[in-house]
């Protein structure tokens, strides 16, 4: 996930569980990024508008050519 690094940043003070901080720093170091960028990425994901999944976007967009086909019935029953 890459974000524009030229956007205006603002300082934020947060309070988290003391045991979480070293684990989060290790994660950031392992990924080669700052802890701030990990937190910013998580906040971006949490606040992003919900987009439908691939299957949700296409559900109902197609009609069965042969609705009586046993394979079609099996798929229809499986994914209802």
N, C-alpha and C. Protein backbone atom coordinates (compact mmCIF):
# COMPACT_ATOMS: atom_id res chain seq x y z
N UNK A 1 0.84 -1.16 0.00
CA UNK A 1 0.00 0.00 0.00
C UNK A 1 0.90 1.24 0.00
N UNK A 2 0.80 2.07 -1.00
CA UNK A 2 1.63 3.25 -1.14
C UNK A 2 0.77 4.50 -1.09
N UNK A 3 1.16 5.46 -0.29
CA UNK A 3 0.40 6.70 -0.19
C UNK A 3 1.29 7.86 -0.57
N UNK A 4 0.68 8.95 -0.98
CA UNK A 4 1.40 10.15 -1.33
C UNK A 4 2.14 10.68 -0.10
N UNK A 5 3.46 10.76 -0.18
CA UNK A 5 4.25 11.21 0.97
C UNK A 5 4.34 12.73 1.04
N UNK A 6 3.75 13.45 0.08
CA UNK A 6 3.82 14.89 0.05
C UNK A 6 2.58 15.56 0.62
N UNK A 7 1.69 14.78 1.22
CA UNK A 7 0.51 15.38 1.81
C UNK A 7 0.88 16.02 3.14
N UNK A 8 0.10 17.00 3.55
CA UNK A 8 0.35 17.66 4.81
C UNK A 8 0.06 16.70 5.96
N UNK A 9 0.97 16.61 6.88
CA UNK A 9 0.83 15.70 8.02
C UNK A 9 0.50 16.52 9.27
N UNK A 10 -0.13 15.85 10.22
CA UNK A 10 -0.42 16.49 11.50
C UNK A 10 -0.02 15.52 12.60
N UNK A 11 0.42 16.05 13.70
CA UNK A 11 0.85 15.24 14.82
C UNK A 11 -0.36 14.75 15.61
N UNK A 12 -0.28 13.51 16.10
CA UNK A 12 -1.38 12.91 16.83
C UNK A 12 -0.82 12.17 18.03
N UNK A 13 -1.40 12.39 19.18
CA UNK A 13 -1.00 11.68 20.38
C UNK A 13 -2.03 10.60 20.65
N UNK A 14 -1.57 9.37 20.79
CA UNK A 14 -2.49 8.26 21.08
C UNK A 14 -1.99 7.51 22.31
N UNK A 15 -2.90 6.80 22.93
CA UNK A 15 -2.56 5.98 24.08
C UNK A 15 -2.91 4.54 23.74
N UNK A 16 -1.92 3.66 23.88
CA UNK A 16 -2.12 2.25 23.56
C UNK A 16 -1.54 1.39 24.68
N UNK A 17 -1.91 0.14 24.67
CA UNK A 17 -1.41 -0.83 25.65
C UNK A 17 0.12 -0.86 25.60
N UNK A 18 0.75 -0.81 26.75
CA UNK A 18 2.20 -0.78 26.87
C UNK A 18 2.87 -1.97 26.17
N UNK A 19 2.23 -3.13 26.23
CA UNK A 19 2.81 -4.33 25.62
C UNK A 19 2.69 -4.32 24.09
N UNK A 20 1.81 -3.51 23.57
CA UNK A 20 1.62 -3.45 22.13
C UNK A 20 2.72 -2.66 21.41
N UNK A 21 3.27 -1.68 22.07
CA UNK A 21 4.24 -0.79 21.43
C UNK A 21 5.46 -1.52 20.89
N UNK A 22 6.16 -2.35 21.68
CA UNK A 22 7.34 -3.02 21.12
C UNK A 22 6.99 -3.97 19.97
N UNK A 23 5.83 -4.62 20.06
CA UNK A 23 5.42 -5.53 18.98
C UNK A 23 5.15 -4.73 17.71
N UNK A 24 4.49 -3.59 17.86
CA UNK A 24 4.18 -2.75 16.71
C UNK A 24 5.47 -2.19 16.08
N UNK A 25 6.42 -1.82 16.91
CA UNK A 25 7.69 -1.31 16.40
C UNK A 25 8.45 -2.40 15.65
N UNK A 26 8.42 -3.63 16.17
CA UNK A 26 9.07 -4.74 15.47
C UNK A 26 8.41 -4.98 14.11
N UNK A 27 7.09 -4.91 14.06
CA UNK A 27 6.37 -5.09 12.80
C UNK A 27 6.78 -4.01 11.80
N UNK A 28 6.82 -2.77 12.25
CA UNK A 28 7.20 -1.66 11.36
C UNK A 28 8.64 -1.86 10.86
N UNK A 29 9.54 -2.22 11.76
CA UNK A 29 10.94 -2.44 11.38
C UNK A 29 11.05 -3.59 10.37
N UNK A 30 10.30 -4.66 10.60
CA UNK A 30 10.33 -5.81 9.69
C UNK A 30 9.81 -5.44 8.30
N UNK A 31 8.87 -4.52 8.24
CA UNK A 31 8.32 -4.07 6.96
C UNK A 31 9.12 -2.93 6.34
N UNK A 32 10.06 -2.41 7.11
CA UNK A 32 10.90 -1.32 6.61
C UNK A 32 10.17 0.00 6.50
N UNK A 33 9.21 0.21 7.39
CA UNK A 33 8.43 1.45 7.40
C UNK A 33 8.37 2.00 8.82
N UNK A 34 7.86 3.19 8.95
CA UNK A 34 7.74 3.79 10.28
C UNK A 34 6.47 3.29 10.97
N UNK A 35 6.47 3.37 12.28
CA UNK A 35 5.27 3.02 13.04
C UNK A 35 4.13 3.96 12.68
N UNK A 36 4.45 5.22 12.43
CA UNK A 36 3.41 6.18 12.02
C UNK A 36 2.73 5.74 10.73
N UNK A 37 3.52 5.23 9.78
CA UNK A 37 2.91 4.81 8.52
C UNK A 37 2.04 3.57 8.70
N UNK A 38 2.41 2.69 9.63
CA UNK A 38 1.57 1.52 9.93
C UNK A 38 0.22 2.00 10.49
N UNK A 39 0.27 2.93 11.44
CA UNK A 39 -0.96 3.44 12.05
C UNK A 39 -1.78 4.20 11.02
N UNK A 40 -1.13 5.02 10.20
CA UNK A 40 -1.85 5.77 9.16
C UNK A 40 -2.53 4.82 8.18
N UNK A 41 -1.84 3.77 7.77
CA UNK A 41 -2.43 2.79 6.86
C UNK A 41 -3.65 2.11 7.46
N UNK A 42 -3.55 1.75 8.75
CA UNK A 42 -4.68 1.11 9.42
C UNK A 42 -5.88 2.07 9.50
N UNK A 43 -5.61 3.34 9.80
CA UNK A 43 -6.69 4.32 9.86
C UNK A 43 -7.31 4.55 8.49
N UNK A 44 -6.49 4.55 7.45
CA UNK A 44 -7.02 4.71 6.09
C UNK A 44 -7.96 3.56 5.74
N UNK A 45 -7.53 2.33 6.06
CA UNK A 45 -8.36 1.16 5.78
C UNK A 45 -9.67 1.21 6.56
N UNK A 46 -9.60 1.58 7.83
CA UNK A 46 -10.80 1.63 8.66
C UNK A 46 -11.78 2.71 8.24
N UNK A 47 -11.27 3.79 7.66
CA UNK A 47 -12.15 4.90 7.30
C UNK A 47 -12.48 4.94 5.81
N UNK A 48 -11.95 4.01 5.04
CA UNK A 48 -12.23 3.98 3.60
C UNK A 48 -13.69 3.62 3.37
N UNK A 49 -14.28 4.19 2.33
CA UNK A 49 -15.66 3.81 2.02
C UNK A 49 -15.71 2.32 1.66
N UNK A 50 -16.76 1.67 2.10
CA UNK A 50 -16.87 0.24 1.83
C UNK A 50 -17.17 0.03 0.35
N UNK A 51 -16.39 -0.84 -0.25
CA UNK A 51 -16.62 -1.19 -1.65
C UNK A 51 -17.08 -2.64 -1.69
N UNK A 52 -18.00 -2.93 -2.57
CA UNK A 52 -18.50 -4.31 -2.65
C UNK A 52 -17.42 -5.25 -3.17
N UNK A 53 -17.49 -6.50 -2.74
CA UNK A 53 -16.55 -7.51 -3.24
C UNK A 53 -16.87 -7.81 -4.69
N UNK A 54 -15.97 -8.52 -5.35
CA UNK A 54 -16.17 -8.90 -6.74
C UNK A 54 -17.49 -9.64 -6.92
N UNK A 55 -17.73 -10.63 -6.05
CA UNK A 55 -18.95 -11.43 -6.20
C UNK A 55 -20.20 -10.60 -5.91
N UNK A 56 -20.11 -9.65 -4.97
CA UNK A 56 -21.26 -8.79 -4.69
C UNK A 56 -21.58 -7.88 -5.88
N UNK A 57 -20.52 -7.40 -6.54
CA UNK A 57 -20.75 -6.52 -7.71
C UNK A 57 -21.42 -7.27 -8.85
N UNK A 58 -21.13 -8.54 -9.03
CA UNK A 58 -21.64 -9.29 -10.17
C UNK A 58 -22.84 -10.16 -9.85
N UNK A 59 -23.20 -10.30 -8.57
CA UNK A 59 -24.33 -11.15 -8.21
C UNK A 59 -25.60 -10.68 -8.92
N UNK A 60 -26.26 -11.62 -9.59
CA UNK A 60 -27.50 -11.32 -10.29
C UNK A 60 -27.33 -10.70 -11.65
N UNK A 61 -26.09 -10.51 -12.11
CA UNK A 61 -25.85 -9.86 -13.39
C UNK A 61 -25.99 -10.83 -14.57
N UNK A 62 -25.96 -12.12 -14.29
CA UNK A 62 -26.02 -13.12 -15.36
C UNK A 62 -27.22 -14.02 -15.16
N UNK A 63 -27.70 -14.56 -16.25
CA UNK A 63 -28.80 -15.51 -16.18
C UNK A 63 -28.29 -16.87 -16.63
N UNK A 64 -28.85 -17.93 -16.02
CA UNK A 64 -28.46 -19.28 -16.41
C UNK A 64 -28.98 -19.59 -17.80
N UNK A 65 -28.10 -20.13 -18.65
CA UNK A 65 -28.52 -20.50 -20.00
C UNK A 65 -29.48 -21.68 -19.93
N UNK A 66 -29.12 -22.66 -19.10
CA UNK A 66 -29.96 -23.84 -18.94
C UNK A 66 -30.16 -24.04 -17.44
N UNK A 67 -31.22 -23.47 -16.91
CA UNK A 67 -31.47 -23.50 -15.47
C UNK A 67 -31.72 -24.91 -14.95
N UNK A 68 -32.07 -25.85 -15.82
CA UNK A 68 -32.34 -27.23 -15.37
C UNK A 68 -31.09 -28.10 -15.39
N UNK A 69 -29.99 -27.56 -15.84
CA UNK A 69 -28.74 -28.33 -15.87
C UNK A 69 -28.35 -28.68 -14.44
N UNK A 70 -28.00 -29.95 -14.16
CA UNK A 70 -27.64 -30.35 -12.79
C UNK A 70 -26.48 -29.55 -12.22
N UNK A 71 -25.51 -29.19 -13.06
CA UNK A 71 -24.37 -28.41 -12.56
C UNK A 71 -24.83 -27.01 -12.16
N UNK A 72 -25.72 -26.44 -12.96
CA UNK A 72 -26.24 -25.11 -12.64
C UNK A 72 -27.02 -25.15 -11.34
N UNK A 73 -27.85 -26.18 -11.16
CA UNK A 73 -28.60 -26.31 -9.91
C UNK A 73 -27.67 -26.45 -8.71
N UNK A 74 -26.61 -27.27 -8.87
CA UNK A 74 -25.66 -27.49 -7.76
C UNK A 74 -24.97 -26.18 -7.39
N UNK A 75 -24.55 -25.42 -8.38
CA UNK A 75 -23.90 -24.13 -8.10
C UNK A 75 -24.87 -23.14 -7.47
N UNK A 76 -26.07 -23.10 -8.00
CA UNK A 76 -27.08 -22.19 -7.46
C UNK A 76 -27.37 -22.52 -6.00
N UNK A 77 -27.50 -23.80 -5.69
CA UNK A 77 -27.78 -24.22 -4.30
C UNK A 77 -26.58 -23.93 -3.39
N UNK A 78 -25.39 -24.13 -3.93
CA UNK A 78 -24.18 -23.93 -3.12
C UNK A 78 -23.98 -22.46 -2.75
N UNK A 79 -24.26 -21.55 -3.68
CA UNK A 79 -23.94 -20.14 -3.47
C UNK A 79 -25.14 -19.27 -3.17
N UNK A 80 -26.23 -19.84 -2.79
CA UNK A 80 -27.40 -19.06 -2.40
C UNK A 80 -27.22 -18.41 -1.09
